[in-house]
Amino acid sequence: CQDWRAVYPVVAVTDPVGPNSGMIRVVRGGSFSFDARDSRSADRDLRATPDEQSDHIGFRLAK
């Protein structure tokens, strides 16, 4: 995911658009080394800076 971290709006929004820039990106999903409750697509982590590297961040190809 390439979304910049932002605070959710107070009111409900249809098809929200996040900020165009920022300091921290949203990381979605889990890793094989996470606990079961954190190994899901709804899991969020807010610590990823654009230049950060991690063994726990990546993507999976599926057919």
N, C-alpha and C. Protein backbone atom coordinates (compact mmCIF):
# COMPACT_ATOMS: atom_id res chain seq x y z
N CYS A 1 0.84 -1.17 0.00
CA CYS A 1 0.00 0.00 0.00
C CYS A 1 0.89 1.24 0.00
N GLN A 2 0.47 2.24 -0.69
CA GLN A 2 1.25 3.47 -0.77
C GLN A 2 0.56 4.65 -0.11
N ASP A 3 -0.42 4.39 0.75
CA ASP A 3 -1.16 5.48 1.40
C ASP A 3 -0.33 6.14 2.49
N TRP A 4 -0.37 7.46 2.51
CA TRP A 4 0.25 8.20 3.60
C TRP A 4 -0.66 8.12 4.81
N ARG A 5 -0.08 8.10 5.99
CA ARG A 5 -0.85 8.02 7.22
C ARG A 5 -1.59 9.33 7.43
N ALA A 6 -2.87 9.24 7.80
CA ALA A 6 -3.68 10.42 8.09
C ALA A 6 -4.71 10.05 9.15
N VAL A 7 -5.20 11.03 9.85
CA VAL A 7 -6.24 10.83 10.85
C VAL A 7 -7.57 10.64 10.12
N TYR A 8 -8.38 9.68 10.58
CA TYR A 8 -9.69 9.47 9.98
C TYR A 8 -10.56 10.70 10.20
N PRO A 9 -11.42 11.05 9.22
CA PRO A 9 -12.33 12.18 9.41
C PRO A 9 -13.36 11.86 10.49
N VAL A 10 -13.91 12.90 11.10
CA VAL A 10 -14.89 12.72 12.17
C VAL A 10 -16.20 12.19 11.62
N VAL A 11 -16.56 12.58 10.42
CA VAL A 11 -17.82 12.13 9.81
C VAL A 11 -17.53 11.07 8.74
N ALA A 12 -18.54 10.26 8.44
CA ALA A 12 -18.40 9.22 7.42
C ALA A 12 -18.15 9.85 6.05
N VAL A 13 -17.25 9.24 5.28
CA VAL A 13 -16.90 9.74 3.95
C VAL A 13 -16.97 8.58 2.97
N THR A 14 -17.59 8.80 1.82
CA THR A 14 -17.63 7.79 0.77
C THR A 14 -16.42 7.97 -0.13
N ASP A 15 -15.67 6.89 -0.36
CA ASP A 15 -14.49 6.90 -1.21
C ASP A 15 -13.49 7.99 -0.78
N PRO A 16 -12.98 7.90 0.44
CA PRO A 16 -12.06 8.93 0.94
C PRO A 16 -10.73 8.93 0.19
N VAL A 17 -10.13 10.08 0.15
CA VAL A 17 -8.81 10.25 -0.47
C VAL A 17 -7.86 10.74 0.61
N GLY A 18 -6.73 10.09 0.74
CA GLY A 18 -5.75 10.48 1.75
C GLY A 18 -4.89 11.62 1.27
N PRO A 19 -3.94 12.04 2.10
CA PRO A 19 -3.05 13.14 1.74
C PRO A 19 -2.11 12.77 0.59
N ASN A 20 -1.63 13.77 -0.13
CA ASN A 20 -0.71 13.56 -1.26
C ASN A 20 0.73 13.34 -0.81
N SER A 21 1.05 13.69 0.43
CA SER A 21 2.41 13.51 0.94
C SER A 21 2.35 13.35 2.44
N GLY A 22 3.48 13.02 3.03
CA GLY A 22 3.54 12.84 4.47
C GLY A 22 4.88 12.29 4.90
N MET A 23 4.97 11.87 6.15
CA MET A 23 6.21 11.34 6.71
C MET A 23 6.16 9.82 6.85
N ILE A 24 4.97 9.27 7.09
CA ILE A 24 4.83 7.84 7.39
C ILE A 24 3.77 7.22 6.49
N ARG A 25 4.07 6.06 5.94
CA ARG A 25 3.11 5.32 5.11
C ARG A 25 2.41 4.26 5.95
N VAL A 26 1.20 3.91 5.53
CA VAL A 26 0.44 2.85 6.19
C VAL A 26 0.90 1.51 5.63
N VAL A 27 1.20 0.57 6.52
CA VAL A 27 1.57 -0.79 6.11
C VAL A 27 0.39 -1.68 6.45
N ARG A 28 -0.13 -2.40 5.45
CA ARG A 28 -1.27 -3.28 5.67
C ARG A 28 -0.85 -4.73 5.53
N GLY A 29 -1.52 -5.59 6.28
CA GLY A 29 -1.26 -7.02 6.19
C GLY A 29 -0.30 -7.48 7.26
N GLY A 30 0.05 -8.74 7.20
CA GLY A 30 0.92 -9.32 8.22
C GLY A 30 2.09 -10.03 7.61
N SER A 31 2.73 -10.85 8.40
CA SER A 31 3.91 -11.59 7.98
C SER A 31 3.81 -13.00 8.53
N PHE A 32 4.51 -13.92 7.90
CA PHE A 32 4.50 -15.29 8.40
C PHE A 32 5.09 -15.38 9.80
N SER A 33 5.86 -14.40 10.20
CA SER A 33 6.46 -14.44 11.54
C SER A 33 5.61 -13.73 12.59
N PHE A 34 4.43 -13.20 12.20
CA PHE A 34 3.54 -12.55 13.15
C PHE A 34 2.64 -13.59 13.82
N ASP A 35 2.02 -13.21 14.93
CA ASP A 35 0.99 -14.04 15.53
C ASP A 35 -0.20 -14.13 14.58
N ALA A 36 -1.03 -15.16 14.75
CA ALA A 36 -2.16 -15.39 13.85
C ALA A 36 -3.09 -14.18 13.77
N ARG A 37 -3.35 -13.51 14.88
CA ARG A 37 -4.29 -12.37 14.85
C ARG A 37 -3.74 -11.20 14.04
N ASP A 38 -2.41 -11.13 13.87
CA ASP A 38 -1.79 -10.04 13.12
C ASP A 38 -1.47 -10.42 11.68
N SER A 39 -1.71 -11.66 11.30
CA SER A 39 -1.42 -12.12 9.93
C SER A 39 -2.69 -12.07 9.10
N ARG A 40 -3.22 -10.89 8.92
CA ARG A 40 -4.45 -10.70 8.16
C ARG A 40 -4.38 -9.37 7.42
N SER A 41 -5.16 -9.26 6.37
CA SER A 41 -5.11 -8.05 5.54
C SER A 41 -5.57 -6.81 6.27
N ALA A 42 -6.38 -6.95 7.31
CA ALA A 42 -6.89 -5.80 8.05
C ALA A 42 -5.88 -5.26 9.07
N ASP A 43 -4.79 -5.96 9.29
CA ASP A 43 -3.78 -5.50 10.24
C ASP A 43 -3.11 -4.24 9.71
N ARG A 44 -2.84 -3.28 10.57
CA ARG A 44 -2.22 -2.01 10.17
C ARG A 44 -0.99 -1.75 11.03
N ASP A 45 0.00 -1.12 10.44
CA ASP A 45 1.20 -0.68 11.15
C ASP A 45 1.54 0.70 10.61
N LEU A 46 1.83 1.63 11.47
CA LEU A 46 2.04 3.01 11.03
C LEU A 46 3.49 3.45 11.10
N ARG A 47 4.43 2.50 11.13
CA ARG A 47 5.82 2.87 11.35
C ARG A 47 6.67 2.91 10.09
N ALA A 48 6.14 2.76 8.93
CA ALA A 48 6.96 2.63 7.72
C ALA A 48 7.25 3.98 7.08
N THR A 49 8.51 4.37 7.12
CA THR A 49 8.93 5.56 6.38
C THR A 49 9.28 5.12 4.96
N PRO A 50 9.25 6.01 3.99
CA PRO A 50 9.50 5.62 2.60
C PRO A 50 10.84 4.92 2.36
N ASP A 51 11.84 5.20 3.17
CA ASP A 51 13.16 4.58 2.96
C ASP A 51 13.40 3.37 3.87
N GLU A 52 12.39 2.94 4.61
CA GLU A 52 12.54 1.82 5.55
C GLU A 52 12.57 0.48 4.82
N GLN A 53 13.43 -0.41 5.28
CA GLN A 53 13.48 -1.77 4.78
C GLN A 53 13.17 -2.70 5.93
N SER A 54 12.47 -3.80 5.64
CA SER A 54 12.10 -4.74 6.69
C SER A 54 11.88 -6.12 6.10
N ASP A 55 12.23 -7.14 6.86
CA ASP A 55 11.94 -8.51 6.45
C ASP A 55 10.45 -8.81 6.55
N HIS A 56 9.70 -7.94 7.19
CA HIS A 56 8.27 -8.17 7.42
C HIS A 56 7.39 -7.40 6.44
N ILE A 57 7.97 -6.66 5.53
CA ILE A 57 7.20 -5.88 4.56
C ILE A 57 7.50 -6.42 3.17
N GLY A 58 6.46 -6.71 2.42
CA GLY A 58 6.66 -7.24 1.08
C GLY A 58 5.31 -7.46 0.41
N PHE A 59 5.29 -8.34 -0.57
CA PHE A 59 4.04 -8.65 -1.23
C PHE A 59 4.07 -10.10 -1.68
N ARG A 60 2.90 -10.63 -1.96
CA ARG A 60 2.79 -12.02 -2.39
C ARG A 60 2.03 -12.05 -3.70
N LEU A 61 2.52 -12.80 -4.65
CA LEU A 61 1.83 -12.99 -5.92
C LEU A 61 0.95 -14.22 -5.81
N ALA A 62 -0.27 -14.11 -6.28
CA ALA A 62 -1.20 -15.24 -6.24
C ALA A 62 -1.91 -15.33 -7.58
N LYS A 63 -2.18 -16.54 -8.00
CA LYS A 63 -2.87 -16.73 -9.27
C LYS A 63 -4.25 -17.27 -9.03
